[in-house]
Amino acid sequence: MSAWNDFNDAEQQQSFNLIPKGTVAPVRMTIKPGGHDDAAQGWTGGYATQSFETGSIFLAWEFVILDSEYARRKMWSNVGLQSNKGPAWGNMGRSFIRAVLNSSRNISPQDNSAQAAAARRIQGFHELDGIEFMARIDVEKDGRGELRNVVKIAVEPGEPGNPSSGVPAVQRPAATYQAPPASSAPANSRLLRLNAHLSRASRWL
């Protein structure tokens, strides 16, 4: 291995073309913890982030594409929880998380049964950290005016691109949701996600 100050044998920097707007692919969504808690709101575990500039509260997400020609590509988006300007941003965030839960847990957005209602409830943000679902990829300008890929839409069951609709974008069936026990806590969320992943993986092989 070369000396630390010799970069001649380092791999060349890679550049990527934008993923076409509207592409549907399975993603894994993880939270970049911001350390903001508000027990009154149920925001614990340090998952939320507060903006120093505006005071708004959001979840900072990282998305990794799991399959397709764009596998392992990463994207980043913020999902609103609260804004001093009003409820609109927080409501948009709630709508997105609802769709993520529907997509990941194979719940039709029109399903209002008791089981579907339970699937749309979480005990904490730890249940969203590492969740997998079908996403529709978008393109937007960042703060510098440069185009970048983002995820703003989860593809729910019954929509084109979701495996349950009969026209999947990739061969990856959605998982059927099973509610966690009432005693679940952030401390054992990693084990819960691992078990769920192994369960799904056994059906893909």
N, C-alpha and C. Protein backbone atom coordinates (compact mmCIF):
# COMPACT_ATOMS: atom_id res chain seq x y z
N MET A 1 0.85 -1.20 0.00
CA MET A 1 0.00 0.00 0.00
C MET A 1 0.88 1.24 0.00
N SER A 2 0.52 2.26 -0.76
CA SER A 2 1.31 3.46 -0.86
C SER A 2 1.31 4.24 0.44
N ALA A 3 2.26 5.15 0.56
CA ALA A 3 2.30 6.04 1.71
C ALA A 3 1.03 6.87 1.75
N TRP A 4 0.69 7.34 2.95
CA TRP A 4 -0.59 8.04 3.11
C TRP A 4 -0.69 9.29 2.24
N ASN A 5 0.49 9.88 1.88
CA ASN A 5 0.47 11.11 1.09
C ASN A 5 0.69 10.87 -0.40
N ASP A 6 0.66 9.59 -0.83
CA ASP A 6 0.83 9.25 -2.24
C ASP A 6 -0.48 8.71 -2.78
N PHE A 7 -1.14 9.47 -3.63
CA PHE A 7 -2.48 9.11 -4.11
C PHE A 7 -2.47 8.61 -5.55
N ASN A 8 -1.31 8.23 -6.04
CA ASN A 8 -1.22 7.79 -7.43
C ASN A 8 -2.00 6.51 -7.70
N ASP A 9 -2.07 5.60 -6.69
CA ASP A 9 -2.76 4.34 -6.92
C ASP A 9 -4.20 4.36 -6.39
N ALA A 10 -4.68 5.55 -6.01
CA ALA A 10 -6.09 5.66 -5.59
C ALA A 10 -6.99 5.50 -6.81
N GLU A 11 -8.17 4.92 -6.59
CA GLU A 11 -9.11 4.76 -7.70
C GLU A 11 -9.59 6.12 -8.19
N GLN A 12 -9.84 6.21 -9.48
CA GLN A 12 -10.30 7.47 -10.04
C GLN A 12 -11.71 7.79 -9.54
N GLN A 13 -11.95 9.06 -9.38
CA GLN A 13 -13.26 9.53 -8.93
C GLN A 13 -14.32 9.16 -9.96
N GLN A 14 -15.47 8.70 -9.46
CA GLN A 14 -16.56 8.30 -10.36
C GLN A 14 -17.63 9.38 -10.39
N SER A 15 -18.24 9.54 -11.52
CA SER A 15 -19.38 10.45 -11.66
C SER A 15 -20.56 9.64 -12.18
N PHE A 16 -21.75 10.03 -11.79
CA PHE A 16 -22.95 9.29 -12.16
C PHE A 16 -23.93 10.21 -12.87
N ASN A 17 -24.55 9.68 -13.90
CA ASN A 17 -25.64 10.40 -14.53
C ASN A 17 -26.86 10.33 -13.62
N LEU A 18 -27.73 11.30 -13.75
CA LEU A 18 -28.95 11.30 -12.97
C LEU A 18 -29.81 10.09 -13.33
N ILE A 19 -30.45 9.51 -12.34
CA ILE A 19 -31.44 8.46 -12.59
C ILE A 19 -32.67 9.14 -13.19
N PRO A 20 -33.23 8.60 -14.27
CA PRO A 20 -34.37 9.26 -14.92
C PRO A 20 -35.53 9.49 -13.96
N LYS A 21 -36.13 10.65 -14.06
CA LYS A 21 -37.29 11.00 -13.26
C LYS A 21 -38.40 9.99 -13.48
N GLY A 22 -39.02 9.51 -12.41
CA GLY A 22 -40.11 8.54 -12.50
C GLY A 22 -39.68 7.10 -12.38
N THR A 23 -38.37 6.84 -12.33
CA THR A 23 -37.87 5.47 -12.16
C THR A 23 -38.37 4.90 -10.84
N VAL A 24 -38.85 3.66 -10.87
CA VAL A 24 -39.32 2.98 -9.66
C VAL A 24 -38.31 1.90 -9.30
N ALA A 25 -37.91 1.87 -8.04
CA ALA A 25 -36.92 0.89 -7.58
C ALA A 25 -37.10 0.64 -6.09
N PRO A 26 -36.71 -0.54 -5.62
CA PRO A 26 -36.76 -0.82 -4.18
C PRO A 26 -35.61 -0.11 -3.48
N VAL A 27 -35.89 0.49 -2.34
CA VAL A 27 -34.87 1.22 -1.60
C VAL A 27 -34.91 0.81 -0.13
N ARG A 28 -33.78 1.02 0.53
CA ARG A 28 -33.72 0.92 1.99
C ARG A 28 -33.52 2.34 2.53
N MET A 29 -34.36 2.72 3.48
CA MET A 29 -34.34 4.07 4.00
C MET A 29 -33.79 4.06 5.43
N THR A 30 -32.74 4.82 5.68
CA THR A 30 -32.17 4.91 7.02
C THR A 30 -32.16 6.37 7.46
N ILE A 31 -32.22 6.56 8.77
CA ILE A 31 -32.26 7.90 9.35
C ILE A 31 -30.86 8.33 9.74
N LYS A 32 -30.51 9.57 9.37
CA LYS A 32 -29.28 10.18 9.85
C LYS A 32 -29.62 10.96 11.12
N PRO A 33 -29.31 10.42 12.30
CA PRO A 33 -29.76 11.03 13.56
C PRO A 33 -29.28 12.48 13.71
N GLY A 34 -30.20 13.33 14.17
CA GLY A 34 -29.85 14.73 14.39
C GLY A 34 -29.79 15.11 15.85
N GLY A 35 -30.18 14.18 16.74
CA GLY A 35 -30.06 14.42 18.17
C GLY A 35 -31.16 15.25 18.79
N HIS A 36 -32.22 15.55 18.03
CA HIS A 36 -33.31 16.36 18.59
C HIS A 36 -34.41 15.46 19.13
N ASP A 37 -34.79 15.67 20.39
CA ASP A 37 -35.87 14.91 21.01
C ASP A 37 -36.95 15.86 21.51
N ASP A 38 -38.17 15.40 21.47
CA ASP A 38 -39.32 16.11 22.04
C ASP A 38 -40.29 15.05 22.53
N ALA A 39 -40.17 14.70 23.81
CA ALA A 39 -40.97 13.61 24.36
C ALA A 39 -42.46 13.89 24.24
N ALA A 40 -42.86 15.16 24.31
CA ALA A 40 -44.28 15.50 24.21
C ALA A 40 -44.84 15.12 22.85
N GLN A 41 -44.01 15.14 21.83
CA GLN A 41 -44.42 14.76 20.48
C GLN A 41 -44.19 13.29 20.20
N GLY A 42 -43.49 12.60 21.10
CA GLY A 42 -43.14 11.21 20.86
C GLY A 42 -41.87 11.06 20.05
N TRP A 43 -41.12 12.16 19.89
CA TRP A 43 -39.89 12.14 19.11
C TRP A 43 -38.72 11.86 20.06
N THR A 44 -38.36 10.62 20.18
CA THR A 44 -37.28 10.23 21.08
C THR A 44 -36.24 9.40 20.31
N GLY A 45 -35.14 9.11 20.97
CA GLY A 45 -34.10 8.31 20.34
C GLY A 45 -33.09 9.12 19.56
N GLY A 46 -33.24 10.45 19.52
CA GLY A 46 -32.28 11.29 18.81
C GLY A 46 -32.37 11.24 17.31
N TYR A 47 -33.49 10.73 16.76
CA TYR A 47 -33.60 10.57 15.31
C TYR A 47 -33.89 11.88 14.58
N ALA A 48 -34.65 12.77 15.19
CA ALA A 48 -35.05 14.00 14.52
C ALA A 48 -33.91 15.02 14.48
N THR A 49 -34.02 15.95 13.54
CA THR A 49 -33.04 17.03 13.37
C THR A 49 -33.77 18.36 13.40
N GLN A 50 -33.17 19.34 14.06
CA GLN A 50 -33.72 20.70 14.06
C GLN A 50 -32.81 21.61 13.26
N SER A 51 -33.40 22.37 12.35
CA SER A 51 -32.64 23.30 11.53
C SER A 51 -32.18 24.48 12.37
N PHE A 52 -30.90 24.81 12.28
CA PHE A 52 -30.38 25.98 12.98
C PHE A 52 -30.90 27.27 12.36
N GLU A 53 -31.21 27.24 11.08
CA GLU A 53 -31.63 28.45 10.37
C GLU A 53 -33.10 28.77 10.58
N THR A 54 -33.96 27.76 10.49
CA THR A 54 -35.41 28.01 10.54
C THR A 54 -36.09 27.48 11.80
N GLY A 55 -35.43 26.58 12.52
CA GLY A 55 -36.06 25.97 13.69
C GLY A 55 -36.99 24.83 13.35
N SER A 56 -37.13 24.51 12.06
CA SER A 56 -38.02 23.42 11.66
C SER A 56 -37.43 22.08 12.08
N ILE A 57 -38.31 21.10 12.26
CA ILE A 57 -37.91 19.76 12.69
C ILE A 57 -38.17 18.80 11.53
N PHE A 58 -37.20 17.91 11.28
CA PHE A 58 -37.36 16.98 10.17
C PHE A 58 -36.56 15.71 10.43
N LEU A 59 -36.81 14.71 9.62
CA LEU A 59 -36.02 13.48 9.59
C LEU A 59 -35.14 13.52 8.35
N ALA A 60 -33.84 13.34 8.55
CA ALA A 60 -32.90 13.33 7.43
C ALA A 60 -32.72 11.88 6.97
N TRP A 61 -33.17 11.60 5.75
CA TRP A 61 -33.17 10.23 5.24
C TRP A 61 -32.04 10.00 4.25
N GLU A 62 -31.51 8.80 4.30
CA GLU A 62 -30.62 8.31 3.24
C GLU A 62 -31.29 7.11 2.59
N PHE A 63 -31.35 7.10 1.27
CA PHE A 63 -31.98 6.02 0.51
C PHE A 63 -30.92 5.29 -0.30
N VAL A 64 -30.90 3.97 -0.20
CA VAL A 64 -29.99 3.15 -0.98
C VAL A 64 -30.82 2.25 -1.88
N ILE A 65 -30.57 2.28 -3.18
CA ILE A 65 -31.31 1.43 -4.12
C ILE A 65 -30.80 0.00 -3.98
N LEU A 66 -31.73 -0.95 -3.85
CA LEU A 66 -31.37 -2.34 -3.57
C LEU A 66 -31.19 -3.17 -4.83
N ASP A 67 -32.01 -2.93 -5.86
CA ASP A 67 -31.97 -3.72 -7.09
C ASP A 67 -31.99 -2.79 -8.29
N SER A 68 -31.93 -3.37 -9.48
CA SER A 68 -31.99 -2.71 -10.78
C SER A 68 -30.59 -2.26 -11.18
N GLU A 69 -30.50 -1.63 -12.33
CA GLU A 69 -29.20 -1.18 -12.84
C GLU A 69 -28.61 -0.07 -11.98
N TYR A 70 -29.42 0.50 -11.11
CA TYR A 70 -28.94 1.59 -10.25
C TYR A 70 -28.65 1.11 -8.82
N ALA A 71 -28.52 -0.19 -8.65
CA ALA A 71 -28.28 -0.74 -7.31
C ALA A 71 -27.08 -0.07 -6.65
N ARG A 72 -27.23 0.18 -5.37
CA ARG A 72 -26.23 0.78 -4.49
C ARG A 72 -26.10 2.29 -4.64
N ARG A 73 -26.84 2.87 -5.58
CA ARG A 73 -26.84 4.35 -5.67
C ARG A 73 -27.55 4.91 -4.45
N LYS A 74 -27.11 6.07 -3.97
CA LYS A 74 -27.66 6.69 -2.77
C LYS A 74 -28.29 8.04 -3.09
N MET A 75 -29.32 8.37 -2.31
CA MET A 75 -29.99 9.66 -2.42
C MET A 75 -30.31 10.15 -1.01
N TRP A 76 -30.55 11.46 -0.89
CA TRP A 76 -30.83 12.03 0.41
C TRP A 76 -32.01 12.98 0.30
N SER A 77 -32.91 12.92 1.29
CA SER A 77 -34.06 13.81 1.33
C SER A 77 -34.43 14.07 2.79
N ASN A 78 -35.06 15.19 3.03
CA ASN A 78 -35.57 15.51 4.36
C ASN A 78 -37.09 15.37 4.38
N VAL A 79 -37.60 14.77 5.45
CA VAL A 79 -39.04 14.60 5.60
C VAL A 79 -39.50 15.43 6.79
N GLY A 80 -40.41 16.35 6.53
CA GLY A 80 -40.81 17.32 7.54
C GLY A 80 -41.63 16.72 8.67
N LEU A 81 -41.36 17.23 9.87
CA LEU A 81 -42.16 16.90 11.05
C LEU A 81 -42.90 18.12 11.58
N GLN A 82 -42.22 19.27 11.58
CA GLN A 82 -42.83 20.48 12.14
C GLN A 82 -42.14 21.71 11.56
N SER A 83 -42.94 22.73 11.27
CA SER A 83 -42.40 23.98 10.75
C SER A 83 -43.07 25.15 11.44
N ASN A 84 -42.30 26.20 11.69
CA ASN A 84 -42.86 27.41 12.30
C ASN A 84 -43.78 28.15 11.34
N LYS A 85 -43.75 27.80 10.06
CA LYS A 85 -44.58 28.46 9.06
C LYS A 85 -45.99 27.88 8.99
N GLY A 86 -46.23 26.78 9.68
CA GLY A 86 -47.55 26.17 9.64
C GLY A 86 -47.49 24.67 9.52
N PRO A 87 -48.66 24.00 9.43
CA PRO A 87 -48.71 22.54 9.45
C PRO A 87 -48.45 21.86 8.12
N ALA A 88 -48.33 22.61 7.02
CA ALA A 88 -48.27 21.99 5.69
C ALA A 88 -47.09 21.04 5.55
N TRP A 89 -45.89 21.48 5.99
CA TRP A 89 -44.69 20.64 5.82
C TRP A 89 -44.80 19.36 6.63
N GLY A 90 -45.27 19.49 7.88
CA GLY A 90 -45.45 18.31 8.71
C GLY A 90 -46.48 17.35 8.15
N ASN A 91 -47.56 17.90 7.57
CA ASN A 91 -48.58 17.05 6.96
C ASN A 91 -48.04 16.30 5.74
N MET A 92 -47.19 16.97 4.97
CA MET A 92 -46.57 16.29 3.83
C MET A 92 -45.68 15.14 4.30
N GLY A 93 -44.96 15.38 5.40
CA GLY A 93 -44.13 14.32 5.95
C GLY A 93 -44.95 13.14 6.43
N ARG A 94 -46.07 13.43 7.07
CA ARG A 94 -46.95 12.36 7.55
C ARG A 94 -47.51 11.56 6.37
N SER A 95 -47.87 12.24 5.29
CA SER A 95 -48.40 11.54 4.12
C SER A 95 -47.34 10.62 3.52
N PHE A 96 -46.09 11.12 3.47
CA PHE A 96 -45.02 10.30 2.91
C PHE A 96 -44.77 9.07 3.78
N ILE A 97 -44.71 9.24 5.09
CA ILE A 97 -44.47 8.10 5.98
C ILE A 97 -45.61 7.11 5.91
N ARG A 98 -46.85 7.58 5.79
CA ARG A 98 -47.99 6.67 5.63
C ARG A 98 -47.82 5.82 4.38
N ALA A 99 -47.42 6.45 3.28
CA ALA A 99 -47.22 5.71 2.04
C ALA A 99 -46.06 4.73 2.14
N VAL A 100 -44.99 5.12 2.85
CA VAL A 100 -43.86 4.22 3.06
C VAL A 100 -44.32 2.97 3.82
N LEU A 101 -45.11 3.17 4.87
CA LEU A 101 -45.61 2.02 5.64
C LEU A 101 -46.50 1.15 4.78
N ASN A 102 -47.37 1.76 3.97
CA ASN A 102 -48.23 0.98 3.07
C ASN A 102 -47.39 0.15 2.11
N SER A 103 -46.37 0.78 1.53
CA SER A 103 -45.54 0.10 0.54
C SER A 103 -44.74 -1.02 1.18
N SER A 104 -44.12 -0.74 2.32
CA SER A 104 -43.27 -1.72 2.97
C SER A 104 -44.06 -2.88 3.55
N ARG A 105 -45.23 -2.60 4.10
CA ARG A 105 -46.01 -3.61 4.81
C ARG A 105 -47.15 -4.17 3.98
N ASN A 106 -47.15 -3.83 2.67
CA ASN A 106 -48.11 -4.38 1.71
C ASN A 106 -49.55 -4.12 2.14
N ILE A 107 -49.82 -2.85 2.43
CA ILE A 107 -51.16 -2.44 2.84
C ILE A 107 -51.74 -1.50 1.79
N SER A 108 -52.89 -1.83 1.25
CA SER A 108 -53.53 -0.97 0.28
C SER A 108 -53.88 0.37 0.92
N PRO A 109 -53.66 1.48 0.23
CA PRO A 109 -54.02 2.78 0.81
C PRO A 109 -55.51 2.93 1.07
N GLN A 110 -56.33 2.10 0.42
CA GLN A 110 -57.78 2.14 0.66
C GLN A 110 -58.23 1.19 1.77
N ASP A 111 -57.31 0.40 2.29
CA ASP A 111 -57.66 -0.58 3.32
C ASP A 111 -57.79 0.12 4.67
N ASN A 112 -58.99 0.11 5.24
CA ASN A 112 -59.25 0.74 6.53
C ASN A 112 -59.56 -0.28 7.62
N SER A 113 -59.14 -1.53 7.39
CA SER A 113 -59.38 -2.57 8.39
C SER A 113 -58.53 -2.32 9.64
N ALA A 114 -58.85 -3.06 10.69
CA ALA A 114 -58.09 -2.91 11.94
C ALA A 114 -56.63 -3.30 11.74
N GLN A 115 -56.38 -4.33 10.94
CA GLN A 115 -55.00 -4.75 10.69
C GLN A 115 -54.23 -3.67 9.92
N ALA A 116 -54.89 -3.05 8.93
CA ALA A 116 -54.23 -1.99 8.17
C ALA A 116 -53.96 -0.79 9.06
N ALA A 117 -54.91 -0.46 9.92
CA ALA A 117 -54.71 0.67 10.83
C ALA A 117 -53.52 0.41 11.75
N ALA A 118 -53.39 -0.83 12.23
CA ALA A 118 -52.26 -1.17 13.10
C ALA A 118 -50.94 -1.08 12.35
N ALA A 119 -50.96 -1.42 11.05
CA ALA A 119 -49.74 -1.39 10.25
C ALA A 119 -49.26 0.02 10.01
N ARG A 120 -50.16 0.99 10.13
CA ARG A 120 -49.79 2.38 9.90
C ARG A 120 -49.42 3.10 11.19
N ARG A 121 -49.32 2.37 12.27
CA ARG A 121 -48.88 2.95 13.54
C ARG A 121 -47.46 2.48 13.85
N ILE A 122 -46.66 3.35 14.41
CA ILE A 122 -45.32 2.97 14.83
C ILE A 122 -45.13 3.35 16.29
N GLN A 123 -44.26 2.64 16.95
CA GLN A 123 -43.97 2.93 18.35
C GLN A 123 -42.83 3.92 18.52
N GLY A 124 -42.15 4.20 17.43
CA GLY A 124 -41.05 5.15 17.46
C GLY A 124 -40.39 5.20 16.10
N PHE A 125 -39.56 6.21 15.90
CA PHE A 125 -38.89 6.36 14.61
C PHE A 125 -37.94 5.20 14.32
N HIS A 126 -37.57 4.43 15.34
CA HIS A 126 -36.68 3.29 15.10
C HIS A 126 -37.30 2.27 14.14
N GLU A 127 -38.65 2.25 14.06
CA GLU A 127 -39.30 1.32 13.13
C GLU A 127 -39.13 1.74 11.67
N LEU A 128 -38.80 3.01 11.45
CA LEU A 128 -38.59 3.50 10.08
C LEU A 128 -37.13 3.42 9.68
N ASP A 129 -36.25 3.26 10.64
CA ASP A 129 -34.81 3.23 10.36
C ASP A 129 -34.43 1.88 9.77
N GLY A 130 -34.17 1.85 8.47
CA GLY A 130 -33.84 0.60 7.78
C GLY A 130 -35.01 -0.02 7.04
N ILE A 131 -36.15 0.66 6.99
CA ILE A 131 -37.32 0.11 6.32
C ILE A 131 -37.09 0.06 4.81
N GLU A 132 -37.65 -0.95 4.15
CA GLU A 132 -37.51 -1.14 2.71
C GLU A 132 -38.87 -0.99 2.03
N PHE A 133 -38.88 -0.31 0.89
CA PHE A 133 -40.14 -0.09 0.18
C PHE A 133 -39.83 0.26 -1.27
N MET A 134 -40.88 0.34 -2.09
CA MET A 134 -40.74 0.74 -3.48
C MET A 134 -40.85 2.26 -3.58
N ALA A 135 -39.89 2.89 -4.23
CA ALA A 135 -39.85 4.35 -4.32
C ALA A 135 -39.89 4.81 -5.77
N ARG A 136 -40.51 5.95 -6.01
CA ARG A 136 -40.45 6.60 -7.32
C ARG A 136 -39.45 7.74 -7.20
N ILE A 137 -38.43 7.70 -8.03
CA ILE A 137 -37.31 8.64 -7.93
C ILE A 137 -37.62 9.91 -8.71
N ASP A 138 -37.32 11.04 -8.10
CA ASP A 138 -37.58 12.34 -8.70
C ASP A 138 -36.26 13.07 -8.93
N VAL A 139 -36.33 14.20 -9.62
CA VAL A 139 -35.17 15.06 -9.87
C VAL A 139 -35.54 16.48 -9.45
N GLU A 140 -34.66 17.13 -8.68
CA GLU A 140 -34.89 18.50 -8.27
C GLU A 140 -33.56 19.24 -8.18
N LYS A 141 -33.61 20.55 -8.07
CA LYS A 141 -32.41 21.36 -7.90
C LYS A 141 -32.06 21.47 -6.41
N ASP A 142 -30.76 21.38 -6.13
CA ASP A 142 -30.32 21.55 -4.74
C ASP A 142 -30.10 23.04 -4.47
N GLY A 143 -29.53 23.36 -3.30
CA GLY A 143 -29.35 24.75 -2.92
C GLY A 143 -28.39 25.51 -3.81
N ARG A 144 -27.56 24.80 -4.56
CA ARG A 144 -26.62 25.44 -5.48
C ARG A 144 -27.15 25.49 -6.91
N GLY A 145 -28.39 25.04 -7.09
CA GLY A 145 -28.98 25.06 -8.42
C GLY A 145 -28.63 23.88 -9.29
N GLU A 146 -27.96 22.87 -8.71
CA GLU A 146 -27.58 21.68 -9.46
C GLU A 146 -28.64 20.59 -9.31
N LEU A 147 -28.85 19.83 -10.37
CA LEU A 147 -29.86 18.78 -10.34
C LEU A 147 -29.37 17.59 -9.53
N ARG A 148 -30.26 16.99 -8.79
CA ARG A 148 -29.94 15.80 -8.01
C ARG A 148 -31.18 14.91 -7.92
N ASN A 149 -30.95 13.63 -7.63
CA ASN A 149 -32.06 12.69 -7.42
C ASN A 149 -32.52 12.74 -5.98
N VAL A 150 -33.83 12.64 -5.81
CA VAL A 150 -34.43 12.60 -4.48
C VAL A 150 -35.57 11.59 -4.48
N VAL A 151 -36.01 11.23 -3.28
CA VAL A 151 -37.17 10.35 -3.13
C VAL A 151 -38.24 11.13 -2.37
N LYS A 152 -39.39 11.30 -2.99
CA LYS A 152 -40.51 11.99 -2.35
C LYS A 152 -41.78 11.16 -2.38
N ILE A 153 -41.78 10.07 -3.18
CA ILE A 153 -42.99 9.28 -3.37
C ILE A 153 -42.69 7.82 -3.08
N ALA A 154 -43.50 7.20 -2.24
CA ALA A 154 -43.46 5.74 -2.04
C ALA A 154 -44.55 5.13 -2.91
N VAL A 155 -44.21 4.08 -3.65
CA VAL A 155 -45.17 3.43 -4.55
C VAL A 155 -45.96 2.41 -3.73
N GLU A 156 -47.24 2.67 -3.57
CA GLU A 156 -48.09 1.84 -2.72
C GLU A 156 -48.68 0.66 -3.48
N PRO A 157 -49.15 -0.36 -2.75
CA PRO A 157 -49.79 -1.50 -3.41
C PRO A 157 -50.93 -1.06 -4.32
N GLY A 158 -50.99 -1.66 -5.51
CA GLY A 158 -52.01 -1.30 -6.49
C GLY A 158 -51.54 -0.29 -7.51
N GLU A 159 -50.40 0.36 -7.25
CA GLU A 159 -49.88 1.34 -8.19
C GLU A 159 -48.86 0.69 -9.13
N PRO A 160 -48.76 1.16 -10.38
CA PRO A 160 -47.75 0.62 -11.29
C PRO A 160 -46.35 0.73 -10.70
N GLY A 161 -45.61 -0.37 -10.75
CA GLY A 161 -44.28 -0.40 -10.18
C GLY A 161 -44.21 -1.10 -8.86
N ASN A 162 -45.35 -1.25 -8.18
CA ASN A 162 -45.37 -2.02 -6.95
C ASN A 162 -45.67 -3.48 -7.30
N PRO A 163 -44.89 -4.44 -6.78
CA PRO A 163 -45.08 -5.85 -7.17
C PRO A 163 -46.51 -6.35 -6.99
N SER A 164 -47.24 -5.83 -6.04
CA SER A 164 -48.60 -6.31 -5.80
C SER A 164 -49.57 -5.88 -6.89
N SER A 165 -49.16 -4.90 -7.73
CA SER A 165 -50.04 -4.41 -8.78
C SER A 165 -50.06 -5.32 -9.99
N GLY A 166 -49.09 -6.25 -10.06
CA GLY A 166 -49.00 -7.14 -11.20
C GLY A 166 -48.09 -6.63 -12.30
N VAL A 167 -47.58 -5.41 -12.16
CA VAL A 167 -46.62 -4.87 -13.13
C VAL A 167 -45.42 -4.32 -12.37
N PRO A 168 -44.64 -5.20 -11.73
CA PRO A 168 -43.51 -4.74 -10.91
C PRO A 168 -42.40 -4.16 -11.77
N ALA A 169 -41.70 -3.19 -11.19
CA ALA A 169 -40.54 -2.62 -11.86
C ALA A 169 -39.34 -3.55 -11.74
N VAL A 170 -39.26 -4.31 -10.64
CA VAL A 170 -38.23 -5.31 -10.43
C VAL A 170 -38.88 -6.51 -9.78
N GLN A 171 -38.20 -7.66 -9.81
CA GLN A 171 -38.77 -8.87 -9.24
C GLN A 171 -38.47 -8.94 -7.74
N ARG A 172 -39.18 -8.14 -6.97
CA ARG A 172 -39.01 -8.14 -5.52
C ARG A 172 -40.40 -8.01 -4.88
N PRO A 173 -40.99 -9.09 -4.37
CA PRO A 173 -42.33 -9.01 -3.80
C PRO A 173 -42.34 -8.22 -2.51
N ALA A 174 -43.43 -7.51 -2.27
CA ALA A 174 -43.57 -6.77 -1.02
C ALA A 174 -43.83 -7.74 0.12
N ALA A 175 -43.42 -7.34 1.31
CA ALA A 175 -43.60 -8.19 2.48
C ALA A 175 -44.94 -7.91 3.13
N THR A 176 -45.54 -8.92 3.70
CA THR A 176 -46.78 -8.75 4.46
C THR A 176 -46.43 -8.34 5.88
N TYR A 177 -47.05 -7.29 6.35
CA TYR A 177 -46.71 -6.73 7.66
C TYR A 177 -47.23 -7.59 8.79
N GLN A 178 -46.40 -7.75 9.81
CA GLN A 178 -46.80 -8.37 11.06
C GLN A 178 -46.46 -7.40 12.18
N ALA A 179 -47.44 -6.99 12.94
CA ALA A 179 -47.22 -5.98 13.98
C ALA A 179 -46.23 -6.48 15.02
N PRO A 180 -45.28 -5.60 15.47
CA PRO A 180 -44.34 -5.99 16.51
C PRO A 180 -45.05 -6.09 17.85
N PRO A 181 -44.52 -6.84 18.81
CA PRO A 181 -45.13 -6.92 20.13
C PRO A 181 -45.11 -5.58 20.82
N ALA A 182 -46.01 -5.39 21.74
CA ALA A 182 -46.15 -4.11 22.42
C ALA A 182 -44.91 -3.73 23.19
N SER A 183 -44.08 -4.69 23.54
CA SER A 183 -42.90 -4.42 24.34
C SER A 183 -41.71 -3.99 23.51
N SER A 184 -41.87 -3.86 22.17
CA SER A 184 -40.75 -3.49 21.32
C SER A 184 -40.22 -2.13 21.75
N ALA A 185 -38.91 -1.94 21.61
CA ALA A 185 -38.28 -0.70 22.02
C ALA A 185 -37.12 -0.43 21.09
N PRO A 186 -36.64 0.83 21.05
CA PRO A 186 -35.53 1.13 20.17
C PRO A 186 -34.32 0.25 20.39
N ALA A 187 -34.12 -0.24 21.60
CA ALA A 187 -32.93 -1.02 21.90
C ALA A 187 -32.88 -2.32 21.11
N ASN A 188 -34.05 -2.89 20.78
CA ASN A 188 -34.02 -4.16 20.05
C ASN A 188 -34.50 -3.99 18.61
N SER A 189 -34.55 -2.74 18.11
CA SER A 189 -35.06 -2.52 16.76
C SER A 189 -34.15 -3.14 15.71
N ARG A 190 -32.83 -3.13 15.93
CA ARG A 190 -31.91 -3.71 14.95
C ARG A 190 -32.17 -5.19 14.78
N LEU A 191 -32.44 -5.89 15.89
CA LEU A 191 -32.73 -7.32 15.80
C LEU A 191 -34.04 -7.56 15.07
N LEU A 192 -35.05 -6.71 15.33
CA LEU A 192 -36.33 -6.86 14.65
C LEU A 192 -36.16 -6.67 13.14
N ARG A 193 -35.37 -5.67 12.74
CA ARG A 193 -35.18 -5.44 11.32
C ARG A 193 -34.42 -6.58 10.67
N LEU A 194 -33.44 -7.13 11.40
CA LEU A 194 -32.67 -8.25 10.86
C LEU A 194 -33.57 -9.45 10.64
N ASN A 195 -34.42 -9.75 11.62
CA ASN A 195 -35.33 -10.90 11.48
C ASN A 195 -36.27 -10.70 10.30
N ALA A 196 -36.78 -9.46 10.15
CA ALA A 196 -37.70 -9.19 9.05
C ALA A 196 -36.99 -9.32 7.71
N HIS A 197 -35.76 -8.84 7.66
CA HIS A 197 -34.99 -8.93 6.41
C HIS A 197 -34.73 -10.38 6.04
N LEU A 198 -34.36 -11.20 7.03
CA LEU A 198 -34.10 -12.61 6.74
C LEU A 198 -35.36 -13.32 6.29
N SER A 199 -36.49 -12.93 6.88
CA SER A 199 -37.76 -13.55 6.50
C SER A 199 -38.10 -13.23 5.04
N ARG A 200 -37.88 -11.95 4.65
CA ARG A 200 -38.16 -11.58 3.27
C ARG A 200 -37.19 -12.22 2.33
N ALA A 201 -35.93 -12.27 2.74
CA ALA A 201 -34.91 -12.83 1.88
C ALA A 201 -35.19 -14.29 1.54
N SER A 202 -35.75 -15.05 2.50
CA SER A 202 -36.04 -16.46 2.25
C SER A 202 -37.07 -16.64 1.16
N ARG A 203 -37.91 -15.59 0.93
CA ARG A 203 -38.93 -15.71 -0.12
C ARG A 203 -38.38 -15.27 -1.47
N TRP A 204 -37.27 -14.49 -1.45
CA TRP A 204 -36.73 -14.03 -2.72
C TRP A 204 -35.85 -15.09 -3.36
N LEU A 205 -35.28 -16.04 -2.58
CA LEU A 205 -34.33 -17.01 -3.11
C LEU A 205 -35.04 -18.11 -3.89
